[in-house]
Amino acid sequence: MNSFTQAIGFGIVTASVIAVSAVAGTLQFGVTRYINFALGDYMTLGAYSAYVLSVVWGINFWISLLVACAIGAVVSLLIARIVLAPFVRKRVSSFVMLIVTLGVSLILSDVILAIASGNPKQYATAIQDEAAFQLGPFLVTPAQIVVVAIACAAMVAIHMLLAHTSVGKSMRAISDNPDLARTSGISVSRMTDIVWMVSGALAAGGGVLLALNTGVFTPTFGEGYLFVIFSAVVVGGAGQPYGAMLGALVTGMATELGALVLTSAYKSDIAFVILILALAVRPRGLLPSRASMS
């Protein structure tokens, strides 16, 4: 197996991890219209929640994953209501909201660091100990197969939510025109709460998948992945869930193939370059029809 083929395989796995968190970010942006810099910390929260539940308390890992997503949803909603909502009601600028979410990020990061310490952690799942095997042209591990499968299931679930439920259609309506949605009888505040919960659950789940894929994690690993996520969101088109999925594929492939030329240490830098190029060349993204969920 040549290194190019293997890089393609790694790119698929990386894109799967990116897609979950990128869709979380773009769903939230599509409704609120501001960037949440605490997204990476929601990922870290999810990873550590699953660790405490599965390793410290001995709960089944898959149940721990679901509970971690629920914790991410609740924390995301509480922060949105208690910290962010007062600024939204005052109609502050997007720049101010950016600073506020940055502050939330710093607080969450420090709290996690104080509780968990900076020592690297690792899940104790059986699939992480199983050897890699040949799957077509790729050499993959069981953990990577699980990561891709869960990510694909999450993307299908998001598609079903947006395309085939009244909640999803209301989200799309608010993303297109919140004032028109409000006059049409849609509860914007209720739908915004749901979006915060869905995005928090996805981000927490994305953190668990990232930790499962990398093997070890620290309290800062979510923050370090933030620009990779933003790259996927911008490349696909901010506010576009399907664009985020496409952007995740582009970013994931680019970072892994770029590592062939450079080294794996530059993956985040490659994602940052992609982000800058996307903003300079096509700031509205690959799917720019509307900055919405449609």
Protein backbone atom coordinates (compact mmCIF):
# COMPACT_ATOMS: atom_id res chain seq x y z
CA MET A 1 0.00 0.00 0.00
CA ASN A 2 1.45 3.39 -0.99
CA SER A 3 1.44 6.42 1.23
CA PHE A 4 -0.97 8.33 -1.04
CA THR A 5 -3.66 5.67 -0.70
CA GLN A 6 -3.20 5.56 3.04
CA ALA A 7 -3.45 9.36 3.23
CA ILE A 8 -6.80 9.14 1.42
CA GLY A 9 -8.00 6.70 4.07
CA PHE A 10 -6.82 8.97 6.87
CA GLY A 11 -8.52 11.87 5.08
CA ILE A 12 -11.87 10.09 5.18
CA VAL A 13 -11.52 9.44 8.92
CA THR A 14 -10.41 13.02 9.61
CA ALA A 15 -13.24 14.41 7.49
CA SER A 16 -15.72 12.32 9.49
CA VAL A 17 -14.51 13.81 12.77
CA ILE A 18 -14.49 17.34 11.37
CA ALA A 19 -17.97 16.99 9.85
CA VAL A 20 -19.72 16.32 13.17
CA SER A 21 -18.32 19.43 14.87
CA ALA A 22 -18.49 21.58 11.73
CA VAL A 23 -22.20 20.85 11.33
CA ALA A 24 -22.63 21.79 15.01
CA GLY A 25 -20.94 25.13 14.37
CA THR A 26 -22.80 25.90 11.18
CA LEU A 27 -26.22 25.01 12.65
CA GLN A 28 -25.63 27.42 15.50
CA PHE A 29 -24.32 30.15 13.19
CA GLY A 30 -27.21 29.70 10.77
CA VAL A 31 -29.74 30.62 13.48
CA THR A 32 -27.81 33.03 15.73
CA ARG A 33 -25.58 34.68 13.09
CA TYR A 34 -22.52 34.82 15.33
CA ILE A 35 -19.47 32.60 15.75
CA ASN A 36 -19.10 30.54 18.91
CA PHE A 37 -15.44 30.35 19.94
CA ALA A 38 -16.35 27.95 22.76
CA LEU A 39 -17.15 25.17 20.27
CA GLY A 40 -13.74 23.55 20.76
CA ASP A 41 -14.27 23.52 24.52
CA TYR A 42 -17.63 21.80 24.08
CA MET A 43 -15.68 19.10 22.24
CA THR A 44 -13.23 18.84 25.15
CA LEU A 45 -16.12 18.72 27.61
CA GLY A 46 -17.65 15.82 25.70
CA ALA A 47 -14.37 13.91 25.55
CA TYR A 48 -13.74 14.28 29.29
CA SER A 49 -17.35 13.53 30.22
CA ALA A 50 -17.14 10.23 28.34
CA TYR A 51 -13.79 9.52 30.00
CA VAL A 52 -15.13 10.05 33.52
CA LEU A 53 -18.23 7.99 32.81
CA SER A 54 -16.50 5.08 31.08
CA VAL A 55 -13.05 4.90 32.69
CA VAL A 56 -13.55 6.39 36.16
CA TRP A 57 -17.11 5.21 36.83
CA GLY A 58 -16.96 2.05 34.71
CA ILE A 59 -20.07 2.73 32.62
CA ASN A 60 -20.29 1.15 29.16
CA PHE A 61 -18.42 3.32 26.67
CA TRP A 62 -21.29 3.61 24.18
CA ILE A 63 -23.70 4.65 26.91
CA SER A 64 -21.04 7.12 28.09
CA LEU A 65 -20.89 8.57 24.57
CA LEU A 66 -24.63 9.21 24.56
CA VAL A 67 -24.57 10.71 28.06
CA ALA A 68 -21.62 12.93 27.05
CA CYS A 69 -23.70 14.24 24.13
CA ALA A 70 -26.55 14.96 26.55
CA ILE A 71 -24.16 16.82 28.87
CA GLY A 72 -22.92 18.87 25.92
CA ALA A 73 -26.51 19.72 24.98
CA VAL A 74 -27.42 20.85 28.51
CA VAL A 75 -24.25 22.88 29.04
CA SER A 76 -24.62 24.52 25.63
CA LEU A 77 -28.22 25.49 26.41
CA LEU A 78 -27.39 26.82 29.88
CA ILE A 79 -24.53 28.96 28.57
CA ALA A 80 -26.72 30.27 25.76
CA ARG A 81 -29.52 31.24 28.13
CA ILE A 82 -27.51 32.54 31.07
CA VAL A 83 -24.45 34.09 29.43
CA LEU A 84 -25.22 34.80 25.77
CA ALA A 85 -28.95 35.63 25.77
CA PRO A 86 -28.59 38.96 27.67
CA PHE A 87 -26.17 40.22 25.01
CA VAL A 88 -28.44 39.01 22.21
CA ARG A 89 -31.41 40.89 23.72
CA LYS A 90 -29.31 44.06 23.74
CA ARG A 91 -28.57 43.47 20.02
CA VAL A 92 -24.83 43.87 20.46
CA SER A 93 -22.57 43.50 17.42
CA SER A 94 -21.16 40.23 16.15
CA PHE A 95 -17.73 41.37 17.29
CA VAL A 96 -18.95 41.73 20.87
CA MET A 97 -20.51 38.27 20.73
CA LEU A 98 -17.22 36.93 19.44
CA ILE A 99 -15.45 38.36 22.49
CA VAL A 100 -18.13 36.96 24.82
CA THR A 101 -17.84 33.44 23.39
CA LEU A 102 -14.06 33.73 23.61
CA GLY A 103 -14.49 34.50 27.31
CA VAL A 104 -16.75 31.47 27.69
CA SER A 105 -14.08 29.39 25.97
CA LEU A 106 -11.38 30.54 28.39
CA ILE A 107 -13.57 29.84 31.43
CA LEU A 108 -14.56 26.36 30.24
CA SER A 109 -10.95 25.55 29.38
CA ASP A 110 -9.71 26.62 32.80
CA VAL A 111 -12.47 24.71 34.61
CA ILE A 112 -11.70 21.51 32.69
CA LEU A 113 -7.98 21.96 33.30
CA ALA A 114 -8.52 22.53 37.03
CA ILE A 115 -10.67 19.41 37.37
CA ALA A 116 -8.90 17.03 34.99
CA SER A 117 -5.28 18.31 35.25
CA GLY A 118 -3.08 18.47 32.18
CA ASN A 119 -2.14 14.79 32.10
CA PRO A 120 -3.05 13.03 28.83
CA LYS A 121 -6.07 10.73 29.06
CA GLN A 122 -7.10 7.70 27.02
CA TYR A 123 -10.26 5.63 26.73
CA ALA A 124 -10.15 1.99 27.78
CA THR A 125 -12.20 0.56 24.92
CA ALA A 126 -11.51 -2.86 23.43
CA ILE A 127 -11.60 -1.54 19.87
CA GLN A 128 -8.55 0.65 20.50
CA ASP A 129 -6.48 -2.45 21.26
CA GLU A 130 -7.48 -4.33 18.13
CA ALA A 131 -4.98 -4.47 15.27
CA ALA A 132 -5.41 -2.74 11.92
CA PHE A 133 -6.74 -4.76 9.00
CA GLN A 134 -7.01 -4.45 5.24
CA LEU A 135 -10.25 -2.97 3.91
CA GLY A 136 -10.02 -2.68 0.15
CA PRO A 137 -7.05 -0.44 -0.63
CA PHE A 138 -6.92 0.94 2.92
CA LEU A 139 -5.31 -0.22 6.14
CA VAL A 140 -7.74 0.74 8.91
CA THR A 141 -8.29 0.12 12.59
CA PRO A 142 -11.60 -0.88 14.19
CA ALA A 143 -11.62 2.48 16.02
CA GLN A 144 -11.43 4.34 12.70
CA ILE A 145 -14.30 2.28 11.29
CA VAL A 146 -16.40 3.14 14.35
CA VAL A 147 -15.55 6.86 14.01
CA VAL A 148 -16.63 6.94 10.36
CA ALA A 149 -19.79 4.92 11.04
CA ILE A 150 -20.91 7.14 13.93
CA ALA A 151 -20.16 10.31 11.96
CA CYS A 152 -22.15 9.05 8.97
CA ALA A 153 -25.07 8.12 11.25
CA ALA A 154 -24.97 11.61 12.79
CA MET A 155 -25.01 13.26 9.35
CA VAL A 156 -27.98 11.14 8.25
CA ALA A 157 -29.78 12.07 11.48
CA ILE A 158 -29.16 15.78 10.85
CA HIS A 159 -30.46 15.43 7.29
CA MET A 160 -33.61 13.71 8.53
CA LEU A 161 -34.09 16.39 11.17
CA LEU A 162 -33.76 19.29 8.73
CA ALA A 163 -35.61 17.77 5.79
CA HIS A 164 -38.38 15.69 7.34
CA THR A 165 -39.40 17.19 10.68
CA SER A 166 -41.36 20.31 11.63
CA VAL A 167 -38.54 21.31 13.99
CA GLY A 168 -36.01 21.16 11.19
CA LYS A 169 -38.22 23.13 8.83
CA SER A 170 -38.70 25.77 11.53
CA MET A 171 -34.92 25.98 11.98
CA ARG A 172 -34.49 26.54 8.27
CA ALA A 173 -37.20 29.19 8.24
CA ILE A 174 -35.53 31.09 11.09
CA SER A 175 -32.18 30.83 9.34
CA ASP A 176 -33.67 32.28 6.14
CA ASN A 177 -35.66 35.10 7.73
CA PRO A 178 -36.18 35.22 11.52
CA ASP A 179 -38.67 38.10 11.37
CA LEU A 180 -40.85 36.35 8.79
CA ALA A 181 -40.60 33.10 10.76
CA ARG A 182 -41.76 34.92 13.90
CA THR A 183 -44.76 36.47 12.16
CA SER A 184 -45.61 33.03 10.78
CA GLY A 185 -46.10 31.74 14.29
CA ILE A 186 -42.75 30.02 14.82
CA SER A 187 -41.32 30.35 18.32
CA VAL A 188 -37.86 31.70 17.53
CA SER A 189 -36.66 31.46 21.12
CA ARG A 190 -37.76 27.83 21.43
CA MET A 191 -36.15 26.86 18.13
CA THR A 192 -32.96 28.69 19.09
CA ASP A 193 -32.83 26.67 22.32
CA ILE A 194 -33.20 23.46 20.32
CA VAL A 195 -30.41 24.52 17.98
CA TRP A 196 -28.11 25.18 20.94
CA MET A 197 -28.88 21.75 22.33
CA VAL A 198 -28.35 19.98 19.01
CA SER A 199 -25.11 21.85 18.32
CA GLY A 200 -23.86 21.18 21.87
CA ALA A 201 -24.62 17.47 21.57
CA LEU A 202 -22.89 17.27 18.18
CA ALA A 203 -19.83 19.14 19.43
CA ALA A 204 -19.55 16.90 22.50
CA GLY A 205 -19.94 13.81 20.33
CA GLY A 206 -17.36 15.18 17.91
CA GLY A 207 -14.97 15.57 20.84
CA VAL A 208 -15.42 11.91 21.79
CA LEU A 209 -14.81 10.83 18.19
CA LEU A 210 -11.71 13.01 17.97
CA ALA A 211 -10.36 11.54 21.23
CA LEU A 212 -11.15 8.04 20.01
CA ASN A 213 -9.32 8.73 16.75
CA THR A 214 -6.23 10.40 18.27
CA GLY A 215 -5.94 7.88 21.09
CA VAL A 216 -4.92 10.38 23.79
CA PHE A 217 -6.28 13.82 24.63
CA THR A 218 -5.61 16.78 26.91
CA PRO A 219 -7.71 19.74 28.12
CA THR A 220 -6.54 21.86 25.17
CA PHE A 221 -7.09 19.42 22.31
CA GLY A 222 -10.51 20.82 21.39
CA GLU A 223 -9.20 24.38 21.18
CA GLY A 224 -6.39 23.21 18.91
CA TYR A 225 -8.99 21.78 16.52
CA LEU A 226 -11.03 24.96 16.32
CA PHE A 227 -9.46 26.40 13.17
CA VAL A 228 -9.85 23.04 11.43
CA ILE A 229 -13.58 23.19 12.16
CA PHE A 230 -13.90 26.81 11.11
CA SER A 231 -12.06 25.98 7.89
CA ALA A 232 -14.68 23.35 7.04
CA VAL A 233 -17.52 25.72 7.92
CA VAL A 234 -16.17 28.58 5.78
CA VAL A 235 -15.19 26.35 2.85
CA GLY A 236 -18.67 24.84 2.74
CA GLY A 237 -20.53 28.09 3.37
CA ALA A 238 -21.35 29.40 6.84
CA GLY A 239 -24.87 28.39 7.87
CA GLN A 240 -25.01 25.51 5.39
CA PRO A 241 -25.05 22.06 7.09
CA TYR A 242 -24.51 20.23 3.81
CA GLY A 243 -21.78 22.70 2.95
CA ALA A 244 -20.12 21.93 6.29
CA MET A 245 -20.10 18.24 5.36
CA LEU A 246 -18.51 19.07 2.01
CA GLY A 247 -16.08 21.48 3.65
CA ALA A 248 -15.11 18.77 6.15
CA LEU A 249 -14.26 16.43 3.28
CA VAL A 250 -12.16 19.09 1.55
CA THR A 251 -10.36 20.08 4.75
CA GLY A 252 -9.84 16.51 5.91
CA MET A 253 -8.36 15.41 2.60
CA ALA A 254 -6.22 18.52 2.27
CA THR A 255 -4.69 18.19 5.73
CA GLU A 256 -3.87 14.50 5.32
CA LEU A 257 -2.53 14.81 1.76
CA GLY A 258 -0.60 17.93 2.77
CA ALA A 259 1.06 15.90 5.51
CA LEU A 260 2.65 13.78 2.78
CA VAL A 261 4.53 16.81 1.49
CA LEU A 262 5.19 18.41 4.87
CA THR A 263 4.70 16.57 8.18
CA SER A 264 1.71 15.75 10.35
CA ALA A 265 2.74 18.58 12.70
CA TYR A 266 1.54 21.07 10.08
CA LYS A 267 -2.02 19.76 9.72
CA SER A 268 -3.54 22.63 11.70
CA ASP A 269 -1.46 25.11 9.71
CA ILE A 270 -2.73 23.61 6.45
CA ALA A 271 -6.31 23.99 7.69
CA PHE A 272 -5.59 27.61 8.62
CA VAL A 273 -4.20 28.29 5.12
CA ILE A 274 -7.35 26.74 3.62
CA LEU A 275 -9.45 29.01 5.84
CA ILE A 276 -7.55 32.11 4.70
CA LEU A 277 -7.77 31.12 1.03
CA ALA A 278 -11.49 30.43 1.33
CA LEU A 279 -12.09 33.84 2.90
CA ALA A 280 -9.99 35.55 0.21
CA VAL A 281 -11.23 33.67 -2.87
CA ARG A 282 -14.74 32.44 -2.04
CA PRO A 283 -15.88 33.88 1.29
CA ARG A 284 -19.47 32.68 0.83
CA GLY A 285 -18.30 29.08 0.50
CA LEU A 286 -18.86 26.27 -1.97
CA LEU A 287 -22.62 26.24 -1.31
CA PRO A 288 -23.38 29.94 -1.03
CA SER A 289 -26.94 30.08 -2.36
CA ARG A 290 -28.07 31.46 1.02
CA ALA A 291 -26.33 31.67 4.37
CA SER A 292 -28.95 29.32 5.67
CA MET A 293 -29.87 25.70 6.31
CA SER A 294 -31.88 25.38 3.11
